[in-house]
N, C-alpha and C. Protein backbone atom coordinates (compact mmCIF):
# COMPACT_ATOMS: atom_id res chain seq x y z
N UNK A 1 1.57 11.82 -11.05
CA UNK A 1 2.80 11.20 -11.71
C UNK A 1 2.30 10.30 -12.98
N UNK A 2 2.88 10.32 -14.00
CA UNK A 2 2.67 9.76 -15.06
C UNK A 2 3.06 8.29 -14.86
N UNK A 3 2.30 7.00 -15.50
CA UNK A 3 2.54 5.75 -15.51
C UNK A 3 3.97 5.74 -16.23
N UNK A 4 4.62 4.80 -15.56
CA UNK A 4 6.09 4.16 -16.54
C UNK A 4 6.35 2.88 -15.86
N UNK A 5 7.59 2.79 -16.90
CA UNK A 5 8.12 1.08 -16.69
C UNK A 5 9.40 1.37 -15.92
N UNK A 6 9.97 0.41 -14.93
CA UNK A 6 11.13 0.49 -14.64
C UNK A 6 11.78 -1.05 -14.54
N UNK A 7 13.03 -1.27 -14.64
CA UNK A 7 13.34 -2.63 -14.36
C UNK A 7 12.88 -3.61 -14.74
N UNK A 8 12.07 -3.89 -16.02
CA UNK A 8 11.37 -4.91 -16.61
C UNK A 8 12.05 -5.91 -17.07
N UNK A 9 11.59 -7.19 -16.40
CA UNK A 9 12.53 -8.37 -17.15
C UNK A 9 11.29 -8.74 -17.62
N UNK A 10 11.80 -9.22 -19.18
CA UNK A 10 10.68 -9.92 -20.24
C UNK A 10 11.40 -10.96 -20.74
N UNK A 11 10.44 -11.73 -21.46
CA UNK A 11 10.93 -13.03 -22.06
C UNK A 11 10.07 -12.91 -23.59
N UNK A 12 10.35 -13.89 -24.47
CA UNK A 12 9.71 -13.97 -25.63
C UNK A 12 8.89 -15.36 -25.64
N UNK A 13 7.47 -15.19 -26.10
CA UNK A 13 6.85 -16.54 -26.17
C UNK A 13 6.09 -16.42 -27.49
N UNK A 14 5.35 -17.46 -27.82
CA UNK A 14 4.70 -17.69 -29.07
C UNK A 14 3.19 -16.98 -29.10
N UNK A 15 2.75 -16.05 -29.82
CA UNK A 15 1.27 -15.44 -29.57
C UNK A 15 0.41 -16.52 -30.08
N UNK A 16 -0.82 -16.79 -29.16
CA UNK A 16 -1.60 -17.57 -29.47
C UNK A 16 -2.93 -17.07 -30.13
N UNK A 17 -2.68 -15.83 -30.70
CA UNK A 17 -3.77 -14.84 -31.30
C UNK A 17 -3.23 -13.81 -32.25
N UNK A 18 -3.66 -13.26 -32.87
CA UNK A 18 -3.43 -12.18 -33.59
C UNK A 18 -3.29 -10.76 -32.66
N UNK A 19 -2.00 -10.34 -32.07
CA UNK A 19 -2.08 -9.30 -31.40
C UNK A 19 -1.38 -7.95 -32.03
N UNK A 20 -1.59 -7.99 -33.43
CA UNK A 20 -0.99 -6.98 -34.14
C UNK A 20 -1.88 -5.75 -34.70
N UNK A 21 -3.21 -5.72 -34.34
CA UNK A 21 -4.07 -4.86 -34.81
C UNK A 21 -4.41 -3.88 -33.93
N UNK A 22 -5.51 -3.44 -33.96
CA UNK A 22 -5.82 -2.36 -32.96
C UNK A 22 -6.32 -2.91 -31.25
N UNK A 23 -6.95 -4.07 -31.64
CA UNK A 23 -7.20 -4.86 -30.35
C UNK A 23 -5.79 -5.89 -30.00
N UNK A 24 -4.82 -5.29 -29.40
CA UNK A 24 -3.59 -5.78 -29.39
C UNK A 24 -3.38 -6.70 -28.29
N UNK A 25 -3.88 -6.40 -27.07
CA UNK A 25 -3.88 -6.99 -25.96
C UNK A 25 -2.76 -6.33 -25.12
N UNK A 26 -2.22 -5.32 -25.66
CA UNK A 26 -0.83 -4.48 -25.18
C UNK A 26 -1.47 -4.10 -23.78
N UNK A 27 -0.49 -4.22 -22.80
CA UNK A 27 -0.66 -4.01 -21.46
C UNK A 27 -1.75 -4.46 -20.65
N UNK A 28 -1.95 -6.15 -21.20
CA UNK A 28 -2.92 -6.87 -20.34
C UNK A 28 -2.00 -8.23 -20.10
N UNK A 29 -2.77 -8.64 -19.06
CA UNK A 29 -2.32 -9.90 -18.30
C UNK A 29 -2.15 -11.15 -19.14
N UNK A 30 -1.53 -12.00 -19.45
CA UNK A 30 -1.43 -13.24 -20.24
C UNK A 30 -1.16 -14.53 -19.54
N UNK A 31 -1.48 -15.57 -19.96
CA UNK A 31 -1.04 -16.96 -19.42
C UNK A 31 -0.57 -17.86 -20.38
N UNK A 32 -0.11 -18.67 -20.35
CA UNK A 32 0.41 -19.93 -21.25
C UNK A 32 -1.03 -20.83 -21.31
N UNK A 33 -1.34 -20.86 -22.57
CA UNK A 33 -2.45 -21.76 -22.90
C UNK A 33 -2.26 -23.32 -22.92
N UNK A 34 -3.17 -24.17 -23.14
CA UNK A 34 -2.82 -25.49 -23.14
C UNK A 34 -2.04 -25.63 -24.46
N UNK A 35 -1.91 -25.00 -25.45
CA UNK A 35 -1.08 -25.45 -26.60
C UNK A 35 0.13 -24.60 -26.57
N UNK A 36 0.53 -24.14 -25.15
CA UNK A 36 1.91 -23.58 -24.61
C UNK A 36 2.25 -22.12 -25.59
N UNK A 37 1.04 -21.68 -26.18
CA UNK A 37 1.19 -19.98 -26.49
C UNK A 37 0.59 -19.15 -25.71
N UNK A 38 0.88 -17.79 -25.75
CA UNK A 38 0.25 -16.67 -24.84
C UNK A 38 -0.96 -16.68 -25.07
N UNK A 39 -2.05 -16.33 -24.29
CA UNK A 39 -3.14 -15.94 -24.43
C UNK A 39 -3.61 -15.10 -23.27
N UNK A 40 -4.50 -13.98 -23.28
CA UNK A 40 -5.27 -13.26 -22.36
C UNK A 40 -5.58 -14.14 -21.41
N UNK A 41 -5.43 -13.45 -20.26
CA UNK A 41 -5.94 -14.06 -18.88
C UNK A 41 -7.57 -13.77 -18.93
N UNK A 42 -8.09 -14.74 -18.34
CA UNK A 42 -9.71 -14.64 -17.72
C UNK A 42 -9.48 -13.82 -16.60
N UNK A 43 -10.72 -13.56 -15.73
CA UNK A 43 -10.82 -12.78 -14.68
C UNK A 43 -10.05 -13.92 -13.54
N UNK A 44 -9.61 -13.45 -12.80
CA UNK A 44 -8.72 -14.10 -11.68
C UNK A 44 -7.67 -15.18 -12.09
N UNK A 45 -7.39 -15.34 -12.96
CA UNK A 45 -6.17 -16.16 -13.61
C UNK A 45 -5.00 -16.04 -13.26
N UNK A 46 -4.24 -16.73 -12.88
CA UNK A 46 -2.66 -16.72 -12.59
C UNK A 46 -2.07 -16.29 -13.96
N UNK A 47 -1.30 -15.44 -13.82
CA UNK A 47 -0.86 -14.63 -15.21
C UNK A 47 0.90 -15.13 -14.91
N UNK A 48 1.33 -15.25 -16.57
CA UNK A 48 2.80 -15.35 -16.65
C UNK A 48 3.57 -14.01 -16.54
N UNK A 49 2.54 -12.92 -17.02
CA UNK A 49 3.14 -11.66 -17.01
C UNK A 49 2.17 -10.69 -18.05
N UNK A 50 2.77 -9.60 -18.41
CA UNK A 50 1.96 -8.46 -19.17
C UNK A 50 2.31 -8.42 -20.57
N UNK A 51 1.68 -8.30 -21.67
CA UNK A 51 2.14 -8.25 -23.09
C UNK A 51 2.66 -6.84 -23.17
N UNK A 52 3.91 -6.59 -23.78
CA UNK A 52 4.23 -5.42 -24.20
C UNK A 52 4.80 -5.20 -25.49
N UNK A 53 4.23 -5.81 -26.26
CA UNK A 53 4.38 -5.74 -27.64
C UNK A 53 3.37 -6.04 -28.44
N UNK A 54 3.69 -6.21 -29.99
CA UNK A 54 2.47 -6.66 -30.98
C UNK A 54 3.15 -7.59 -31.67
N UNK A 55 2.03 -8.39 -31.85
CA UNK A 55 2.71 -9.81 -32.72
C UNK A 55 1.74 -10.28 -33.65
N UNK A 56 1.74 -10.93 -34.89
CA UNK A 56 0.84 -12.04 -35.44
C UNK A 56 0.66 -13.11 -34.82
N UNK A 57 -0.47 -13.81 -34.97
CA UNK A 57 -0.39 -15.04 -34.06
C UNK A 57 0.53 -16.16 -34.77
N UNK A 58 1.01 -17.21 -33.76
CA UNK A 58 2.30 -17.59 -34.09
C UNK A 58 3.65 -17.19 -34.28
N UNK A 59 3.69 -15.83 -33.84
CA UNK A 59 5.19 -15.14 -33.88
C UNK A 59 5.48 -14.64 -32.56
N UNK A 60 6.65 -14.61 -32.44
CA UNK A 60 7.33 -14.15 -30.79
C UNK A 60 6.49 -12.89 -30.59
N UNK A 61 6.30 -12.72 -29.26
CA UNK A 61 5.89 -11.50 -28.77
C UNK A 61 6.47 -11.38 -27.38
N UNK A 62 6.73 -10.24 -26.76
CA UNK A 62 7.35 -9.88 -25.72
C UNK A 62 6.11 -9.86 -24.60
N UNK A 63 6.96 -10.58 -23.33
CA UNK A 63 6.24 -10.57 -22.19
C UNK A 63 6.73 -9.98 -21.03
N UNK A 64 6.40 -9.14 -20.29
CA UNK A 64 6.85 -8.69 -19.09
C UNK A 64 6.43 -9.85 -18.06
N UNK A 65 7.67 -10.21 -17.28
CA UNK A 65 7.28 -11.09 -16.17
C UNK A 65 7.85 -10.57 -14.84
N UNK A 66 8.45 -9.16 -14.59
CA UNK A 66 8.99 -8.82 -13.24
C UNK A 66 9.05 -7.22 -13.64
N UNK A 67 9.21 -6.39 -12.41
CA UNK A 67 9.41 -5.27 -12.46
C UNK A 67 8.23 -4.03 -12.58
N UNK A 68 8.58 -3.12 -12.86
CA UNK A 68 7.55 -2.09 -12.82
C UNK A 68 7.05 -1.84 -14.08
N UNK A 69 5.61 -2.49 -14.36
CA UNK A 69 5.07 -2.49 -15.94
C UNK A 69 3.82 -1.87 -15.99
N UNK A 70 3.64 -1.51 -17.32
CA UNK A 70 2.44 -0.92 -17.68
C UNK A 70 1.19 -1.73 -17.74
N UNK A 71 -0.16 -1.54 -17.05
CA UNK A 71 -1.17 -2.46 -17.42
C UNK A 71 -2.39 -1.52 -17.64
N UNK A 72 -3.46 -1.95 -18.40
CA UNK A 72 -4.80 -1.26 -18.70
C UNK A 72 -5.49 -1.75 -17.61
N UNK A 73 -6.29 -0.81 -17.11
CA UNK A 73 -7.40 -1.06 -16.23
C UNK A 73 -8.88 -1.59 -16.85
N UNK A 74 -9.25 -2.61 -16.07
CA UNK A 74 -10.77 -2.99 -16.30
C UNK A 74 -11.86 -2.35 -15.60
N UNK A 75 -11.30 -1.63 -14.28
CA UNK A 75 -12.28 -1.16 -13.48
C UNK A 75 -11.36 -0.08 -12.71
N UNK A 76 -12.08 0.59 -11.82
CA UNK A 76 -11.46 1.47 -11.06
C UNK A 76 -10.51 0.64 -10.12
N UNK A 77 -9.45 1.39 -10.04
CA UNK A 77 -8.28 0.78 -8.93
C UNK A 77 -7.79 2.09 -8.36
N UNK A 78 -7.44 1.73 -6.90
CA UNK A 78 -6.77 2.81 -6.08
C UNK A 78 -5.36 2.44 -5.99
N UNK A 79 -4.36 3.38 -5.77
CA UNK A 79 -3.07 3.48 -5.78
C UNK A 79 -2.87 2.61 -4.41
N UNK A 80 -1.91 1.58 -4.51
CA UNK A 80 -1.40 0.80 -3.18
C UNK A 80 -2.34 -0.36 -3.08
N UNK A 81 -3.36 -0.52 -4.19
CA UNK A 81 -4.03 -1.86 -4.13
C UNK A 81 -3.54 -2.87 -4.64
N UNK A 82 -3.67 -4.32 -4.09
CA UNK A 82 -3.32 -5.40 -4.83
C UNK A 82 -4.16 -5.63 -5.92
N UNK A 83 -3.68 -6.00 -7.26
CA UNK A 83 -4.29 -6.40 -8.35
C UNK A 83 -4.50 -7.95 -8.94
N UNK A 84 -5.56 -8.21 -9.75
CA UNK A 84 -5.64 -9.40 -10.01
C UNK A 84 -5.89 -9.11 -11.72
N UNK A 85 -6.06 -10.33 -12.65
CA UNK A 85 -6.48 -10.00 -13.93
C UNK A 85 -8.03 -10.09 -13.95
N UNK A 86 -8.55 -9.37 -14.92
CA UNK A 86 -10.05 -9.15 -15.01
C UNK A 86 -10.52 -9.48 -16.34
N UNK A 87 -11.60 -9.17 -16.82
CA UNK A 87 -12.13 -9.49 -18.25
C UNK A 87 -11.16 -9.25 -19.43
N UNK A 88 -10.47 -10.32 -19.99
CA UNK A 88 -9.68 -10.16 -21.31
C UNK A 88 -8.32 -9.54 -20.64
N UNK A 89 -8.03 -9.85 -19.80
CA UNK A 89 -6.55 -9.78 -19.05
C UNK A 89 -6.30 -8.13 -18.32
N UNK A 90 -7.45 -7.45 -18.57
CA UNK A 90 -7.21 -6.37 -17.95
C UNK A 90 -6.83 -6.47 -16.52
N UNK A 91 -6.55 -5.29 -15.83
CA UNK A 91 -6.38 -5.21 -14.39
C UNK A 91 -7.48 -4.64 -13.58
N UNK A 92 -7.63 -5.46 -12.62
CA UNK A 92 -8.65 -4.72 -11.55
C UNK A 92 -8.35 -5.12 -10.09
N UNK A 93 -8.97 -4.48 -9.16
CA UNK A 93 -8.33 -4.72 -7.70
C UNK A 93 -8.72 -6.13 -7.31
N UNK A 94 -7.84 -6.84 -6.55
CA UNK A 94 -8.03 -8.17 -6.21
C UNK A 94 -9.02 -8.21 -5.22
N UNK A 95 -9.83 -9.24 -5.69
CA UNK A 95 -11.05 -9.77 -5.38
C UNK A 95 -10.63 -11.05 -4.64
N UNK A 96 -10.92 -12.15 -5.57
CA UNK A 96 -10.94 -13.53 -5.24
C UNK A 96 -10.00 -14.40 -6.25
N UNK A 97 -9.23 -13.58 -7.10
CA UNK A 97 -8.27 -14.18 -8.01
C UNK A 97 -6.94 -14.18 -7.68
N UNK A 98 -5.94 -14.76 -8.43
CA UNK A 98 -4.69 -14.71 -8.21
C UNK A 98 -4.06 -13.36 -7.69
N UNK A 99 -3.10 -13.06 -7.13
CA UNK A 99 -2.72 -11.91 -6.73
C UNK A 99 -1.37 -11.60 -7.50
N UNK A 100 -1.45 -10.56 -8.57
CA UNK A 100 -0.56 -10.50 -9.45
C UNK A 100 0.27 -8.92 -9.06
N UNK A 101 0.38 -8.31 -8.39
CA UNK A 101 1.13 -7.27 -8.08
C UNK A 101 0.36 -5.81 -7.25
N UNK A 102 1.02 -4.89 -7.21
CA UNK A 102 0.73 -3.66 -6.43
C UNK A 102 0.33 -2.55 -7.47
N UNK A 103 -0.62 -1.70 -7.57
CA UNK A 103 -0.96 -0.66 -8.00
C UNK A 103 -0.24 0.42 -7.57
N UNK A 104 0.69 1.22 -8.58
CA UNK A 104 1.33 2.28 -7.75
C UNK A 104 0.64 3.56 -8.01
N UNK A 105 -0.15 3.68 -9.18
CA UNK A 105 -1.19 4.64 -9.34
C UNK A 105 -2.72 4.37 -9.16
N UNK A 106 -3.57 5.47 -9.15
CA UNK A 106 -4.86 4.73 -9.25
C UNK A 106 -5.57 5.48 -10.52
N UNK A 107 -6.92 4.82 -10.82
CA UNK A 107 -7.38 5.14 -12.33
C UNK A 107 -8.65 4.44 -12.36
N UNK A 108 -9.04 4.72 -13.63
CA UNK A 108 -10.56 4.11 -13.85
C UNK A 108 -10.21 3.37 -15.24
N UNK A 109 -11.36 2.78 -15.49
CA UNK A 109 -11.61 1.57 -16.74
C UNK A 109 -10.97 2.59 -17.88
N UNK A 110 -9.87 1.64 -18.25
CA UNK A 110 -9.36 2.21 -19.60
C UNK A 110 -8.02 2.77 -19.71
N UNK A 111 -7.91 3.05 -18.51
CA UNK A 111 -6.59 4.10 -17.98
C UNK A 111 -5.21 2.95 -17.91
N UNK A 112 -3.87 3.44 -18.54
CA UNK A 112 -2.91 2.82 -18.30
C UNK A 112 -2.03 2.97 -17.05
N UNK A 113 -1.92 2.16 -16.04
CA UNK A 113 -1.11 2.70 -14.75
C UNK A 113 0.08 1.79 -14.75
N UNK A 114 0.97 2.01 -13.88
CA UNK A 114 1.96 1.17 -13.26
C UNK A 114 1.66 0.32 -12.22
N UNK A 115 2.16 -0.74 -12.53
CA UNK A 115 2.05 -1.84 -11.33
C UNK A 115 3.17 -2.64 -11.12
N UNK A 116 3.52 -2.99 -9.82
CA UNK A 116 4.72 -3.78 -9.31
C UNK A 116 4.28 -5.13 -9.72
N UNK A 117 4.73 -5.75 -10.55
CA UNK A 117 4.32 -7.38 -11.18
C UNK A 117 5.07 -7.91 -9.98
N UNK A 118 3.99 -9.24 -9.60
CA UNK A 118 4.67 -10.27 -8.85
C UNK A 118 4.07 -11.58 -9.61
N UNK A 119 3.57 -11.65 -10.80
CA UNK A 119 3.40 -12.73 -11.57
C UNK A 119 4.50 -13.42 -12.07
N UNK A 120 4.41 -14.67 -12.48
CA UNK A 120 5.33 -15.36 -13.12
C UNK A 120 6.21 -16.28 -12.12
């Protein structure tokens, strides 16, 4: 089954970096930084949600905070696994970080899969 999104709840926040080019952060976990702008999560961080758009630094960007959302894998994940943020906001199998949701598909590094998001 192909990864897709359903019943996504999202909000707008201010981008803390340039997410408009090829290294956009799209489909990666984000948090609110000390400057109150959105930034990519570090491994194990609690997340506000997942980036769903592109924006220049200091511009509004869409962040999914609930529902079935797309995420980019940073390691192999099995369908049904609980997940957390990995390096650069990627999605990895839950180890010792904040529990962010459930993988609905399996995949390998770089794949885009659906996750039921529990962040936020």
